[in-house]
Amino acid sequence: MNIFEGPGAGEARLRYGNSDYSVLRPGVFVRCAVTGERIPLDELKYWSVDRQEPCKDIHASLKREQEMNPGHYGG
């Protein structure tokens, strides 16, 4: 059995805080709000507290910020 099999091995549901998150539904990954890619929980580093959504990396996080706040970034 690998990490993506068995009970609790699906997609987690989290509540994102300023410096950490709380697990609402156990799982081993979340999906990036920008790309839809799986992010293993042990690799999750970027999320928006205001929008309560994860991002796979700093590039996806910046892209989402620009989409949500176009006037802030010259768009």
N, C-alpha and C. Protein backbone atom coordinates (compact mmCIF):
# COMPACT_ATOMS: atom_id res chain seq x y z
N MET A 1 0.86 -1.19 0.00
CA MET A 1 0.00 0.00 0.00
C MET A 1 0.90 1.24 0.00
N ASN A 2 0.54 2.22 -0.81
CA ASN A 2 1.33 3.45 -0.83
C ASN A 2 0.58 4.57 -0.12
N ILE A 3 1.18 5.75 -0.11
CA ILE A 3 0.64 6.90 0.62
C ILE A 3 -0.75 7.33 0.13
N PHE A 4 -1.09 7.04 -1.13
CA PHE A 4 -2.37 7.47 -1.68
C PHE A 4 -3.44 6.37 -1.64
N GLU A 5 -3.24 5.34 -0.82
CA GLU A 5 -4.21 4.26 -0.68
C GLU A 5 -4.67 4.15 0.76
N GLY A 6 -5.82 3.54 0.95
CA GLY A 6 -6.30 3.26 2.29
C GLY A 6 -7.13 4.38 2.88
N PRO A 7 -7.68 4.15 4.07
CA PRO A 7 -8.54 5.14 4.73
C PRO A 7 -7.77 6.43 5.04
N GLY A 8 -8.39 7.54 4.80
CA GLY A 8 -7.76 8.83 5.08
C GLY A 8 -6.69 9.22 4.09
N ALA A 9 -6.58 8.48 2.99
CA ALA A 9 -5.52 8.75 2.03
C ALA A 9 -5.97 9.68 0.90
N GLY A 10 -7.18 10.21 1.00
CA GLY A 10 -7.69 11.08 -0.06
C GLY A 10 -7.34 12.53 0.17
N GLU A 11 -8.19 13.37 -0.39
CA GLU A 11 -7.98 14.82 -0.29
C GLU A 11 -8.40 15.32 1.09
N ALA A 12 -7.53 16.09 1.70
CA ALA A 12 -7.80 16.67 3.01
C ALA A 12 -8.61 17.94 2.85
N ARG A 13 -9.29 18.32 3.91
CA ARG A 13 -9.96 19.62 3.96
C ARG A 13 -9.35 20.36 5.15
N LEU A 14 -8.86 21.58 4.89
CA LEU A 14 -8.14 22.32 5.90
C LEU A 14 -8.76 23.69 6.16
N ARG A 15 -8.48 24.24 7.34
CA ARG A 15 -8.78 25.64 7.65
C ARG A 15 -7.42 26.29 7.78
N TYR A 16 -7.18 27.29 6.91
CA TYR A 16 -5.88 27.93 6.82
C TYR A 16 -5.78 29.11 7.77
N GLY A 17 -4.73 29.13 8.58
CA GLY A 17 -4.45 30.22 9.49
C GLY A 17 -3.24 31.01 9.01
N ASN A 18 -2.84 32.01 9.79
CA ASN A 18 -1.72 32.86 9.39
C ASN A 18 -0.39 32.12 9.29
N SER A 19 -0.14 31.17 10.17
CA SER A 19 1.15 30.49 10.14
C SER A 19 1.03 28.97 10.10
N ASP A 20 -0.19 28.46 10.19
CA ASP A 20 -0.40 27.02 10.12
C ASP A 20 -1.83 26.73 9.68
N TYR A 21 -2.18 25.48 9.66
CA TYR A 21 -3.55 25.10 9.27
C TYR A 21 -4.07 24.04 10.23
N SER A 22 -5.39 23.91 10.25
CA SER A 22 -6.06 22.89 11.03
C SER A 22 -6.73 21.92 10.07
N VAL A 23 -6.68 20.66 10.41
CA VAL A 23 -7.28 19.62 9.58
C VAL A 23 -8.75 19.47 9.94
N LEU A 24 -9.63 19.72 8.97
CA LEU A 24 -11.06 19.54 9.15
C LEU A 24 -11.50 18.15 8.70
N ARG A 25 -10.84 17.64 7.65
CA ARG A 25 -11.08 16.28 7.16
C ARG A 25 -9.72 15.69 6.82
N PRO A 26 -9.35 14.58 7.45
CA PRO A 26 -8.03 13.99 7.21
C PRO A 26 -7.83 13.60 5.75
N GLY A 27 -6.60 13.65 5.32
CA GLY A 27 -6.20 13.25 3.99
C GLY A 27 -4.71 13.45 3.85
N VAL A 28 -4.19 13.15 2.68
CA VAL A 28 -2.75 13.27 2.48
C VAL A 28 -2.37 14.38 1.51
N PHE A 29 -3.37 15.01 0.89
CA PHE A 29 -3.08 16.09 -0.06
C PHE A 29 -4.24 17.07 -0.11
N VAL A 30 -3.95 18.25 -0.69
CA VAL A 30 -4.97 19.24 -1.06
C VAL A 30 -4.70 19.59 -2.51
N ARG A 31 -5.65 20.25 -3.15
CA ARG A 31 -5.47 20.63 -4.56
C ARG A 31 -5.17 22.13 -4.66
N CYS A 32 -4.21 22.45 -5.48
CA CYS A 32 -3.85 23.84 -5.74
C CYS A 32 -5.05 24.56 -6.34
N ALA A 33 -5.39 25.71 -5.79
CA ALA A 33 -6.54 26.49 -6.27
C ALA A 33 -6.31 27.06 -7.67
N VAL A 34 -5.06 27.15 -8.09
CA VAL A 34 -4.74 27.72 -9.40
C VAL A 34 -4.59 26.64 -10.46
N THR A 35 -3.82 25.60 -10.16
CA THR A 35 -3.50 24.58 -11.16
C THR A 35 -4.31 23.31 -11.04
N GLY A 36 -4.90 23.06 -9.86
CA GLY A 36 -5.62 21.82 -9.63
C GLY A 36 -4.72 20.64 -9.30
N GLU A 37 -3.41 20.88 -9.24
CA GLU A 37 -2.46 19.81 -8.93
C GLU A 37 -2.55 19.40 -7.46
N ARG A 38 -2.24 18.14 -7.21
CA ARG A 38 -2.18 17.64 -5.84
C ARG A 38 -0.95 18.22 -5.14
N ILE A 39 -1.16 18.64 -3.90
CA ILE A 39 -0.06 19.11 -3.06
C ILE A 39 -0.04 18.22 -1.82
N PRO A 40 0.98 17.37 -1.66
CA PRO A 40 1.07 16.57 -0.44
C PRO A 40 1.13 17.50 0.77
N LEU A 41 0.44 17.15 1.85
CA LEU A 41 0.40 18.03 3.01
C LEU A 41 1.78 18.35 3.55
N ASP A 42 2.72 17.41 3.46
CA ASP A 42 4.06 17.68 3.97
C ASP A 42 4.85 18.64 3.07
N GLU A 43 4.30 19.00 1.92
CA GLU A 43 4.94 19.96 1.02
C GLU A 43 4.17 21.28 0.93
N LEU A 44 3.05 21.39 1.63
CA LEU A 44 2.21 22.59 1.56
C LEU A 44 2.87 23.75 2.30
N LYS A 45 3.15 24.83 1.56
CA LYS A 45 3.81 26.00 2.14
C LYS A 45 3.08 27.31 1.84
N TYR A 46 2.22 27.31 0.83
CA TYR A 46 1.58 28.55 0.39
C TYR A 46 0.07 28.41 0.41
N TRP A 47 -0.60 29.40 1.04
CA TRP A 47 -2.06 29.43 1.06
C TRP A 47 -2.52 30.83 1.36
N SER A 48 -3.79 31.08 1.05
CA SER A 48 -4.41 32.36 1.36
C SER A 48 -5.36 32.17 2.53
N VAL A 49 -5.12 32.92 3.59
CA VAL A 49 -6.02 32.88 4.74
C VAL A 49 -7.36 33.50 4.35
N ASP A 50 -7.32 34.63 3.63
CA ASP A 50 -8.55 35.33 3.25
C ASP A 50 -9.44 34.49 2.35
N ARG A 51 -8.85 33.81 1.37
CA ARG A 51 -9.65 33.01 0.44
C ARG A 51 -9.75 31.55 0.86
N GLN A 52 -9.00 31.14 1.88
CA GLN A 52 -9.01 29.76 2.36
C GLN A 52 -8.73 28.78 1.23
N GLU A 53 -7.59 29.02 0.53
CA GLU A 53 -7.22 28.13 -0.56
C GLU A 53 -5.71 27.94 -0.62
N PRO A 54 -5.28 26.74 -0.99
CA PRO A 54 -3.85 26.43 -1.09
C PRO A 54 -3.31 26.71 -2.49
N CYS A 55 -2.00 26.94 -2.57
CA CYS A 55 -1.31 27.09 -3.84
C CYS A 55 -0.05 26.23 -3.82
N LYS A 56 0.30 25.66 -4.96
CA LYS A 56 1.42 24.71 -5.01
C LYS A 56 2.78 25.36 -4.81
N ASP A 57 2.92 26.64 -5.21
CA ASP A 57 4.20 27.31 -5.04
C ASP A 57 3.99 28.82 -5.08
N ILE A 58 5.08 29.56 -4.94
CA ILE A 58 5.00 31.02 -4.89
C ILE A 58 4.48 31.59 -6.22
N HIS A 59 4.78 30.94 -7.32
CA HIS A 59 4.33 31.42 -8.63
C HIS A 59 2.81 31.32 -8.76
N ALA A 60 2.26 30.19 -8.32
CA ALA A 60 0.80 30.01 -8.35
C ALA A 60 0.13 31.00 -7.39
N SER A 61 0.75 31.21 -6.24
CA SER A 61 0.20 32.14 -5.25
C SER A 61 0.16 33.56 -5.80
N LEU A 62 1.25 33.99 -6.44
CA LEU A 62 1.29 35.33 -7.03
C LEU A 62 0.28 35.46 -8.16
N LYS A 63 0.17 34.44 -8.99
CA LYS A 63 -0.80 34.47 -10.10
C LYS A 63 -2.22 34.67 -9.55
N ARG A 64 -2.56 33.93 -8.49
CA ARG A 64 -3.90 34.05 -7.90
C ARG A 64 -4.11 35.45 -7.32
N GLU A 65 -3.10 35.99 -6.64
CA GLU A 65 -3.20 37.35 -6.10
C GLU A 65 -3.45 38.35 -7.21
N GLN A 66 -2.75 38.21 -8.32
CA GLN A 66 -2.92 39.12 -9.45
C GLN A 66 -4.31 38.98 -10.06
N GLU A 67 -4.83 37.76 -10.13
CA GLU A 67 -6.19 37.54 -10.66
C GLU A 67 -7.24 38.18 -9.76
N MET A 68 -7.04 38.06 -8.46
CA MET A 68 -8.04 38.52 -7.50
C MET A 68 -7.95 40.03 -7.23
N ASN A 69 -6.78 40.61 -7.47
CA ASN A 69 -6.56 42.04 -7.19
C ASN A 69 -5.85 42.71 -8.36
N PRO A 70 -6.46 42.74 -9.55
CA PRO A 70 -5.78 43.25 -10.74
C PRO A 70 -5.34 44.71 -10.63
N GLY A 71 -6.08 45.55 -9.97
CA GLY A 71 -5.70 46.94 -9.83
C GLY A 71 -4.48 47.14 -8.98
N HIS A 72 -4.23 46.19 -8.12
CA HIS A 72 -3.09 46.26 -7.21
C HIS A 72 -1.79 45.98 -7.93
N TYR A 73 -1.86 45.28 -9.06
CA TYR A 73 -0.66 44.84 -9.77
C TYR A 73 -0.58 45.43 -11.17
N GLY A 74 -1.21 46.56 -11.38
CA GLY A 74 -1.12 47.24 -12.66
C GLY A 74 -1.95 46.63 -13.77
N GLY A 75 -2.94 45.79 -13.42
CA GLY A 75 -3.74 45.11 -14.43
C GLY A 75 -4.99 45.84 -14.78
